[in-house]
Amino acid sequence: MNPIEDIITTIQTLFTKQPNTIYEVRIVHQRYANKVNIFFEYYKIGQARRSQQIARLDEAYRLQIPELAKQIHQATRLTVHTSVLLY
């Protein structure tokens, strides 16, 4: 399996439908560490957000973040946020 398939499998394992719970995936480029981190986030309405790191990819994936976000969304139907500046 490639890393993206592993990430999608991990997300599907963590995603348990609970009432009044919001699930999201966040992809963050750490500029100074030269890594791309992927987090699985969830929270119940009115409670604090919980975030769990599910992957840490090399700098080479930075330019693939939009495509990665699209693949994750298509496979899981979860909202995917990215906080990355592509320059």
PDB file of N, CA and C in Angstrom:
ATOM      1  N   MET A   1       0.836  -1.188   0.000  1.00  0.00           N
ATOM      2  CA  MET A   1       0.000   0.000   0.000  1.00  0.00           C
ATOM      3  C   MET A   1       0.880   1.250   0.000  1.00  0.00           C
ATOM      4  N   ASN A   2       0.409   2.268  -0.672  1.00  0.00           N
ATOM      5  CA  ASN A   2       1.140   3.530  -0.638  1.00  0.00           C
ATOM      6  C   ASN A   2       0.659   4.369   0.545  1.00  0.00           C
ATOM      7  N   PRO A   3       1.364   5.421   0.883  1.00  0.00           N
ATOM      8  CA  PRO A   3       1.001   6.214   2.071  1.00  0.00           C
ATOM      9  C   PRO A   3      -0.411   6.791   2.016  1.00  0.00           C
ATOM     10  N   ILE A   4      -0.882   7.158   0.842  1.00  0.00           N
ATOM     11  CA  ILE A   4      -2.209   7.756   0.728  1.00  0.00           C
ATOM     12  C   ILE A   4      -3.289   6.720   1.025  1.00  0.00           C
ATOM     13  N   GLU A   5      -3.104   5.511   0.556  1.00  0.00           N
ATOM     14  CA  GLU A   5      -4.058   4.446   0.873  1.00  0.00           C
ATOM     15  C   GLU A   5      -4.051   4.137   2.367  1.00  0.00           C
ATOM     16  N   ASP A   6      -2.878   4.173   2.987  1.00  0.00           N
ATOM     17  CA  ASP A   6      -2.781   3.971   4.435  1.00  0.00           C
ATOM     18  C   ASP A   6      -3.529   5.061   5.193  1.00  0.00           C
ATOM     19  N   ILE A   7      -3.388   6.307   4.735  1.00  0.00           N
ATOM     20  CA  ILE A   7      -4.064   7.428   5.381  1.00  0.00           C
ATOM     21  C   ILE A   7      -5.576   7.263   5.280  1.00  0.00           C
ATOM     22  N   ILE A   8      -6.063   6.913   4.118  1.00  0.00           N
ATOM     23  CA  ILE A   8      -7.505   6.737   3.924  1.00  0.00           C
ATOM     24  C   ILE A   8      -8.021   5.588   4.779  1.00  0.00           C
ATOM     25  N   THR A   9      -7.281   4.501   4.867  1.00  0.00           N
ATOM     26  CA  THR A   9      -7.674   3.373   5.719  1.00  0.00           C
ATOM     27  C   THR A   9      -7.735   3.796   7.183  1.00  0.00           C
ATOM     28  N   THR A  10      -6.752   4.569   7.631  1.00  0.00           N
ATOM     29  CA  THR A  10      -6.735   5.044   9.015  1.00  0.00           C
ATOM     30  C   THR A  10      -7.931   5.946   9.291  1.00  0.00           C
ATOM     31  N   ILE A  11      -8.247   6.840   8.363  1.00  0.00           N
ATOM     32  CA  ILE A  11      -9.399   7.726   8.537  1.00  0.00           C
ATOM     33  C   ILE A  11     -10.681   6.924   8.627  1.00  0.00           C
ATOM     34  N   GLN A  12     -10.845   5.941   7.758  1.00  0.00           N
ATOM     35  CA  GLN A  12     -12.051   5.123   7.788  1.00  0.00           C
ATOM     36  C   GLN A  12     -12.169   4.333   9.084  1.00  0.00           C
ATOM     37  N   THR A  13     -11.032   3.947   9.663  1.00  0.00           N
ATOM     38  CA  THR A  13     -11.039   3.249  10.944  1.00  0.00           C
ATOM     39  C   THR A  13     -11.456   4.181  12.071  1.00  0.00           C
ATOM     40  N   LEU A  14     -10.972   5.419  12.056  1.00  0.00           N
ATOM     41  CA  LEU A  14     -11.272   6.378  13.121  1.00  0.00           C
ATOM     42  C   LEU A  14     -12.672   6.978  13.004  1.00  0.00           C
ATOM     43  N   PHE A  15     -13.220   7.009  11.810  1.00  0.00           N
ATOM     44  CA  PHE A  15     -14.519   7.646  11.579  1.00  0.00           C
ATOM     45  C   PHE A  15     -15.646   6.732  12.050  1.00  0.00           C
ATOM     46  N   THR A  16     -16.191   7.075  13.200  1.00  0.00           N
ATOM     47  CA  THR A  16     -17.357   6.363  13.726  1.00  0.00           C
ATOM     48  C   THR A  16     -18.477   7.372  13.843  1.00  0.00           C
ATOM     49  N   LYS A  17     -19.552   7.145  13.143  1.00  0.00           N
ATOM     50  CA  LYS A  17     -20.646   8.111  13.141  1.00  0.00           C
ATOM     51  C   LYS A  17     -21.293   8.164  14.517  1.00  0.00           C
ATOM     52  N   GLN A  18     -21.175   9.324  15.138  1.00  0.00           N
ATOM     53  CA  GLN A  18     -21.800   9.586  16.425  1.00  0.00           C
ATOM     54  C   GLN A  18     -22.750  10.768  16.246  1.00  0.00           C
ATOM     55  N   PRO A  19     -23.859  10.781  16.949  1.00  0.00           N
ATOM     56  CA  PRO A  19     -24.780  11.917  16.805  1.00  0.00           C
ATOM     57  C   PRO A  19     -24.142  13.215  17.309  1.00  0.00           C
ATOM     58  N   ASN A  20     -24.473  14.301  16.636  1.00  0.00           N
ATOM     59  CA  ASN A  20     -24.014  15.651  16.995  1.00  0.00           C
ATOM     60  C   ASN A  20     -22.496  15.773  17.024  1.00  0.00           C
ATOM     61  N   THR A  21     -21.811  15.049  16.172  1.00  0.00           N
ATOM     62  CA  THR A  21     -20.356  15.090  16.118  1.00  0.00           C
ATOM     63  C   THR A  21     -19.918  15.499  14.712  1.00  0.00           C
ATOM     64  N   ILE A  22     -18.963  16.415  14.658  1.00  0.00           N
ATOM     65  CA  ILE A  22     -18.420  16.902  13.392  1.00  0.00           C
ATOM     66  C   ILE A  22     -17.056  16.256  13.190  1.00  0.00           C
ATOM     67  N   TYR A  23     -16.833  15.699  11.996  1.00  0.00           N
ATOM     68  CA  TYR A  23     -15.565  15.045  11.657  1.00  0.00           C
ATOM     69  C   TYR A  23     -14.921  15.803  10.501  1.00  0.00           C
ATOM     70  N   GLU A  24     -13.614  16.036  10.582  1.00  0.00           N
ATOM     71  CA  GLU A  24     -12.882  16.736   9.537  1.00  0.00           C
ATOM     72  C   GLU A  24     -11.466  16.185   9.434  1.00  0.00           C
ATOM     73  N   VAL A  25     -10.838  16.463   8.306  1.00  0.00           N
ATOM     74  CA  VAL A  25      -9.428  16.139   8.106  1.00  0.00           C
ATOM     75  C   VAL A  25      -8.712  17.450   7.807  1.00  0.00           C
ATOM     76  N   ARG A  26      -7.562  17.651   8.417  1.00  0.00           N
ATOM     77  CA  ARG A  26      -6.784  18.874   8.205  1.00  0.00           C
ATOM     78  C   ARG A  26      -5.394  18.490   7.695  1.00  0.00           C
ATOM     79  N   ILE A  27      -4.980  19.144   6.615  1.00  0.00           N
ATOM     80  CA  ILE A  27      -3.657  18.922   6.046  1.00  0.00           C
ATOM     81  C   ILE A  27      -2.855  20.207   6.233  1.00  0.00           C
ATOM     82  N   VAL A  28      -1.716  20.086   6.880  1.00  0.00           N
ATOM     83  CA  VAL A  28      -0.905  21.253   7.229  1.00  0.00           C
ATOM     84  C   VAL A  28       0.517  21.057   6.727  1.00  0.00           C
ATOM     85  N   HIS A  29       1.035  22.079   6.066  1.00  0.00           N
ATOM     86  CA  HIS A  29       2.443  22.068   5.646  1.00  0.00           C
ATOM     87  C   HIS A  29       3.259  22.779   6.719  1.00  0.00           C
ATOM     88  N   GLN A  30       4.177  22.059   7.329  1.00  0.00           N
ATOM     89  CA  GLN A  30       5.082  22.661   8.299  1.00  0.00           C
ATOM     90  C   GLN A  30       6.302  23.162   7.539  1.00  0.00           C
ATOM     91  N   ARG A  31       6.340  24.443   7.329  1.00  0.00           N
ATOM     92  CA  ARG A  31       7.370  25.048   6.494  1.00  0.00           C
ATOM     93  C   ARG A  31       8.771  24.816   7.040  1.00  0.00           C
ATOM     94  N   TYR A  32       8.966  24.987   8.332  1.00  0.00           N
ATOM     95  CA  TYR A  32      10.317  24.918   8.894  1.00  0.00           C
ATOM     96  C   TYR A  32      10.780  23.490   9.158  1.00  0.00           C
ATOM     97  N   ALA A  33       9.840  22.576   9.344  1.00  0.00           N
ATOM     98  CA  ALA A  33      10.204  21.175   9.543  1.00  0.00           C
ATOM     99  C   ALA A  33      10.251  20.413   8.219  1.00  0.00           C
ATOM    100  N   ASN A  34       9.786  21.059   7.156  1.00  0.00           N
ATOM    101  CA  ASN A  34       9.733  20.434   5.829  1.00  0.00           C
ATOM    102  C   ASN A  34       8.946  19.130   5.842  1.00  0.00           C
ATOM    103  N   LYS A  35       7.777  19.175   6.467  1.00  0.00           N
ATOM    104  CA  LYS A  35       6.896  18.008   6.539  1.00  0.00           C
ATOM    105  C   LYS A  35       5.474  18.425   6.211  1.00  0.00           C
ATOM    106  N   VAL A  36       4.664  17.455   5.846  1.00  0.00           N
ATOM    107  CA  VAL A  36       3.231  17.643   5.656  1.00  0.00           C
ATOM    108  C   VAL A  36       2.542  16.757   6.684  1.00  0.00           C
ATOM    109  N   ASN A  37       1.779  17.376   7.577  1.00  0.00           N
ATOM    110  CA  ASN A  37       1.067  16.633   8.613  1.00  0.00           C
ATOM    111  C   ASN A  37      -0.403  16.516   8.253  1.00  0.00           C
ATOM    112  N   ILE A  38      -0.976  15.370   8.583  1.00  0.00           N
ATOM    113  CA  ILE A  38      -2.395  15.144   8.352  1.00  0.00           C
ATOM    114  C   ILE A  38      -3.027  14.781   9.683  1.00  0.00           C
ATOM    115  N   PHE A  39      -4.103  15.511  10.019  1.00  0.00           N
ATOM    116  CA  PHE A  39      -4.790  15.325  11.293  1.00  0.00           C
ATOM    117  C   PHE A  39      -6.230  14.909  11.065  1.00  0.00           C
ATOM    118  N   PHE A  40      -6.717  14.033  11.930  1.00  0.00           N
ATOM    119  CA  PHE A  40      -8.126  13.670  11.977  1.00  0.00           C
ATOM    120  C   PHE A  40      -8.706  14.430  13.161  1.00  0.00           C
ATOM    121  N   GLU A  41      -9.703  15.267  12.898  1.00  0.00           N
ATOM    122  CA  GLU A  41     -10.280  16.100  13.949  1.00  0.00           C
ATOM    123  C   GLU A  41     -11.763  15.799  14.093  1.00  0.00           C
ATOM    124  N   TYR A  42     -12.220  15.849  15.334  1.00  0.00           N
ATOM    125  CA  TYR A  42     -13.639  15.645  15.587  1.00  0.00           C
ATOM    126  C   TYR A  42     -14.030  16.379  16.857  1.00  0.00           C
ATOM    127  N   TYR A  43     -15.290  16.738  16.938  1.00  0.00           N
ATOM    128  CA  TYR A  43     -15.794  17.394  18.136  1.00  0.00           C
ATOM    129  C   TYR A  43     -17.308  17.296  18.175  1.00  0.00           C
ATOM    130  N   LYS A  44     -17.800  17.204  19.377  1.00  0.00           N
ATOM    131  CA  LYS A  44     -19.239  17.254  19.584  1.00  0.00           C
ATOM    132  C   LYS A  44     -19.635  18.715  19.658  1.00  0.00           C
ATOM    133  N   ILE A  45     -20.805  19.007  19.213  1.00  0.00           N
ATOM    134  CA  ILE A  45     -21.281  20.377  19.225  1.00  0.00           C
ATOM    135  C   ILE A  45     -21.267  20.892  20.664  1.00  0.00           C
ATOM    136  N   GLY A  46     -20.610  22.031  20.868  1.00  0.00           N
ATOM    137  CA  GLY A  46     -20.527  22.633  22.191  1.00  0.00           C
ATOM    138  C   GLY A  46     -19.350  22.154  23.017  1.00  0.00           C
ATOM    139  N   GLN A  47     -18.506  21.306  22.465  1.00  0.00           N
ATOM    140  CA  GLN A  47     -17.346  20.804  23.201  1.00  0.00           C
ATOM    141  C   GLN A  47     -16.062  21.124  22.434  1.00  0.00           C
ATOM    142  N   ALA A  48     -14.946  20.896  23.084  1.00  0.00           N
ATOM    143  CA  ALA A  48     -13.651  21.206  22.482  1.00  0.00           C
ATOM    144  C   ALA A  48     -13.329  20.238  21.342  1.00  0.00           C
ATOM    145  N   ARG A  49     -12.571  20.739  20.393  1.00  0.00           N
ATOM    146  CA  ARG A  49     -12.125  19.948  19.245  1.00  0.00           C
ATOM    147  C   ARG A  49     -11.017  19.001  19.683  1.00  0.00           C
ATOM    148  N   ARG A  50     -11.051  17.786  19.171  1.00  0.00           N
ATOM    149  CA  ARG A  50      -9.985  16.807  19.420  1.00  0.00           C
ATOM    150  C   ARG A  50      -9.278  16.546  18.103  1.00  0.00           C
ATOM    151  N   SER A  51      -7.969  16.534  18.163  1.00  0.00           N
ATOM    152  CA  SER A  51      -7.177  16.377  16.958  1.00  0.00           C
ATOM    153  C   SER A  51      -6.164  15.261  17.167  1.00  0.00           C
ATOM    154  N   GLN A  52      -6.060  14.386  16.172  1.00  0.00           N
ATOM    155  CA  GLN A  52      -5.133  13.263  16.251  1.00  0.00           C
ATOM    156  C   GLN A  52      -4.316  13.223  14.967  1.00  0.00           C
ATOM    157  N   GLN A  53      -2.989  13.255  15.111  1.00  0.00           N
ATOM    158  CA  GLN A  53      -2.126  13.173  13.931  1.00  0.00           C
ATOM    159  C   GLN A  53      -2.160  11.747  13.398  1.00  0.00           C
ATOM    160  N   ILE A  54      -2.448  11.636  12.097  1.00  0.00           N
ATOM    161  CA  ILE A  54      -2.532  10.298  11.516  1.00  0.00           C
ATOM    162  C   ILE A  54      -1.427  10.043  10.503  1.00  0.00           C
ATOM    163  N   ALA A  55      -0.743  11.107  10.053  1.00  0.00           N
ATOM    164  CA  ALA A  55       0.345  10.898   9.090  1.00  0.00           C
ATOM    165  C   ALA A  55       1.282  12.095   9.105  1.00  0.00           C
ATOM    166  N   ARG A  56       2.531  11.808   8.783  1.00  0.00           N
ATOM    167  CA  ARG A  56       3.553  12.840   8.625  1.00  0.00           C
ATOM    168  C   ARG A  56       4.351  12.465   7.379  1.00  0.00           C
ATOM    169  N   LEU A  57       4.164  13.267   6.334  1.00  0.00           N
ATOM    170  CA  LEU A  57       4.761  12.968   5.042  1.00  0.00           C
ATOM    171  C   LEU A  57       5.938  13.894   4.766  1.00  0.00           C
ATOM    172  N   ASP A  58       6.780  13.499   3.836  1.00  0.00           N
ATOM    173  CA  ASP A  58       7.947  14.289   3.462  1.00  0.00           C
ATOM    174  C   ASP A  58       7.547  15.526   2.667  1.00  0.00           C
ATOM    175  N   GLU A  59       8.495  16.426   2.530  1.00  0.00           N
ATOM    176  CA  GLU A  59       8.317  17.684   1.796  1.00  0.00           C
ATOM    177  C   GLU A  59       7.876  17.445   0.355  1.00  0.00           C
ATOM    178  N   ALA A  60       8.223  16.306  -0.212  1.00  0.00           N
ATOM    179  CA  ALA A  60       7.873  16.010  -1.601  1.00  0.00           C
ATOM    180  C   ALA A  60       6.363  16.014  -1.837  1.00  0.00           C
ATOM    181  N   TYR A  61       5.570  15.790  -0.800  1.00  0.00           N
ATOM    182  CA  TYR A  61       4.114  15.770  -0.928  1.00  0.00           C
ATOM    183  C   TYR A  61       3.506  17.163  -0.884  1.00  0.00           C
ATOM    184  N   ARG A  62       4.290  18.201  -0.645  1.00  0.00           N
ATOM    185  CA  ARG A  62       3.753  19.560  -0.503  1.00  0.00           C
ATOM    186  C   ARG A  62       2.992  20.002  -1.745  1.00  0.00           C
ATOM    187  N   LEU A  63       3.528  19.751  -2.900  1.00  0.00           N
ATOM    188  CA  LEU A  63       2.871  20.163  -4.133  1.00  0.00           C
ATOM    189  C   LEU A  63       1.675  19.286  -4.478  1.00  0.00           C
ATOM    190  N   GLN A  64       1.567  18.146  -3.837  1.00  0.00           N
ATOM    191  CA  GLN A  64       0.462  17.231  -4.093  1.00  0.00           C
ATOM    192  C   GLN A  64      -0.694  17.428  -3.118  1.00  0.00           C
ATOM    193  N   ILE A  65      -0.614  18.431  -2.244  1.00  0.00           N
ATOM    194  CA  ILE A  65      -1.643  18.622  -1.214  1.00  0.00           C
ATOM    195  C   ILE A  65      -3.041  18.799  -1.807  1.00  0.00           C
ATOM    196  N   PRO A  66      -3.249  19.624  -2.846  1.00  0.00           N
ATOM    197  CA  PRO A  66      -4.614  19.734  -3.397  1.00  0.00           C
ATOM    198  C   PRO A  66      -5.155  18.398  -3.907  1.00  0.00           C
ATOM    199  N   GLU A  67      -4.329  17.634  -4.589  1.00  0.00           N
ATOM    200  CA  GLU A  67      -4.763  16.320  -5.085  1.00  0.00           C
ATOM    201  C   GLU A  67      -4.989  15.349  -3.933  1.00  0.00           C
ATOM    202  N   LEU A  68      -4.145  15.412  -2.927  1.00  0.00           N
ATOM    203  CA  LEU A  68      -4.299  14.570  -1.735  1.00  0.00           C
ATOM    204  C   LEU A  68      -5.614  14.876  -1.034  1.00  0.00           C
ATOM    205  N   ALA A  69      -5.929  16.153  -0.881  1.00  0.00           N
ATOM    206  CA  ALA A  69      -7.184  16.560  -0.247  1.00  0.00           C
ATOM    207  C   ALA A  69      -8.381  16.044  -1.047  1.00  0.00           C
ATOM    208  N   LYS A  70      -8.287  16.124  -2.355  1.00  0.00           N
ATOM    209  CA  LYS A  70      -9.367  15.650  -3.223  1.00  0.00           C
ATOM    210  C   LYS A  70      -9.558  14.139  -3.082  1.00  0.00           C
ATOM    211  N   GLN A  71      -8.456  13.389  -3.058  1.00  0.00           N
ATOM    212  CA  GLN A  71      -8.544  11.928  -2.924  1.00  0.00           C
ATOM    213  C   GLN A  71      -9.157  11.536  -1.576  1.00  0.00           C
ATOM    214  N   ILE A  72      -8.735  12.211  -0.516  1.00  0.00           N
ATOM    215  CA  ILE A  72      -9.270  11.894   0.812  1.00  0.00           C
ATOM    216  C   ILE A  72     -10.759  12.206   0.865  1.00  0.00           C
ATOM    217  N   HIS A  73     -11.151  13.349   0.312  1.00  0.00           N
ATOM    218  CA  HIS A  73     -12.573  13.714   0.320  1.00  0.00           C
ATOM    219  C   HIS A  73     -13.409  12.719  -0.484  1.00  0.00           C
ATOM    220  N   GLN A  74     -12.929  12.321  -1.643  1.00  0.00           N
ATOM    221  CA  GLN A  74     -13.681  11.381  -2.475  1.00  0.00           C
ATOM    222  C   GLN A  74     -13.820  10.019  -1.812  1.00  0.00           C
ATOM    223  N   ALA A  75     -12.800   9.582  -1.091  1.00  0.00           N
ATOM    224  CA  ALA A  75     -12.826   8.257  -0.476  1.00  0.00           C
ATOM    225  C   ALA A  75     -13.639   8.234   0.822  1.00  0.00           C
ATOM    226  N   THR A  76     -13.621   9.357   1.572  1.00  0.00           N
ATOM    227  CA  THR A  76     -14.248   9.344   2.902  1.00  0.00           C
ATOM    228  C   THR A  76     -15.476  10.225   3.022  1.00  0.00           C
ATOM    229  N   ARG A  77     -15.647  11.169   2.102  1.00  0.00           N
ATOM    230  CA  ARG A  77     -16.731  12.151   2.127  1.00  0.00           C
ATOM    231  C   ARG A  77     -16.672  13.075   3.344  1.00  0.00           C
ATOM    232  N   LEU A  78     -15.496  13.218   3.938  1.00  0.00           N
ATOM    233  CA  LEU A  78     -15.303  14.142   5.046  1.00  0.00           C
ATOM    234  C   LEU A  78     -14.793  15.481   4.510  1.00  0.00           C
ATOM    235  N   THR A  79     -15.038  16.533   5.262  1.00  0.00           N
ATOM    236  CA  THR A  79     -14.505  17.841   4.920  1.00  0.00           C
ATOM    237  C   THR A  79     -12.994  17.820   5.117  1.00  0.00           C
ATOM    238  N   VAL A  80     -12.256  18.337   4.142  1.00  0.00           N
ATOM    239  CA  VAL A  80     -10.801  18.372   4.219  1.00  0.00           C
ATOM    240  C   VAL A  80     -10.369  19.832   4.148  1.00  0.00           C
ATOM    241  N   HIS A  81      -9.687  20.299   5.202  1.00  0.00           N
ATOM    242  CA  HIS A  81      -9.155  21.658   5.240  1.00  0.00           C
ATOM    243  C   HIS A  81      -7.660  21.599   4.983  1.00  0.00           C
ATOM    244  N   THR A  82      -7.163  22.579   4.233  1.00  0.00           N
ATOM    245  CA  THR A  82      -5.728  22.684   4.026  1.00  0.00           C
ATOM    246  C   THR A  82      -5.291  24.081   4.459  1.00  0.00           C
ATOM    247  N   SER A  83      -4.189  24.148   5.122  1.00  0.00           N
ATOM    248  CA  SER A  83      -3.608  25.448   5.478  1.00  0.00           C
ATOM    249  C   SER A  83      -2.192  25.462   4.941  1.00  0.00           C
ATOM    250  N   VAL A  84      -2.099  25.729   3.668  1.00  0.00           N
ATOM    251  CA  VAL A  84      -0.809  25.652   2.996  1.00  0.00           C
ATOM    252  C   VAL A  84      -0.720  26.782   1.975  1.00  0.00           C
ATOM    253  N   LEU A  85       0.458  27.339   1.862  1.00  0.00           N
ATOM    254  CA  LEU A  85       0.730  28.330   0.820  1.00  0.00           C
ATOM    255  C   LEU A  85       1.650  27.663  -0.197  1.00  0.00           C
ATOM    256  N   LEU A  86       1.179  27.541  -1.403  1.00  0.00           N
ATOM    257  CA  LEU A  86       1.986  26.935  -2.452  1.00  0.00           C
ATOM    258  C   LEU A  86       2.716  28.057  -3.174  1.00  0.00           C
ATOM    259  N   TYR A  87       4.015  28.096  -3.005  1.00  0.00           N
ATOM    260  CA  TYR A  87       4.822  29.143  -3.641  1.00  0.00           C
ATOM    261  C   TYR A  87       6.010  28.543  -4.309  1.00  0.00           C
TER     262      TYR A  87
END
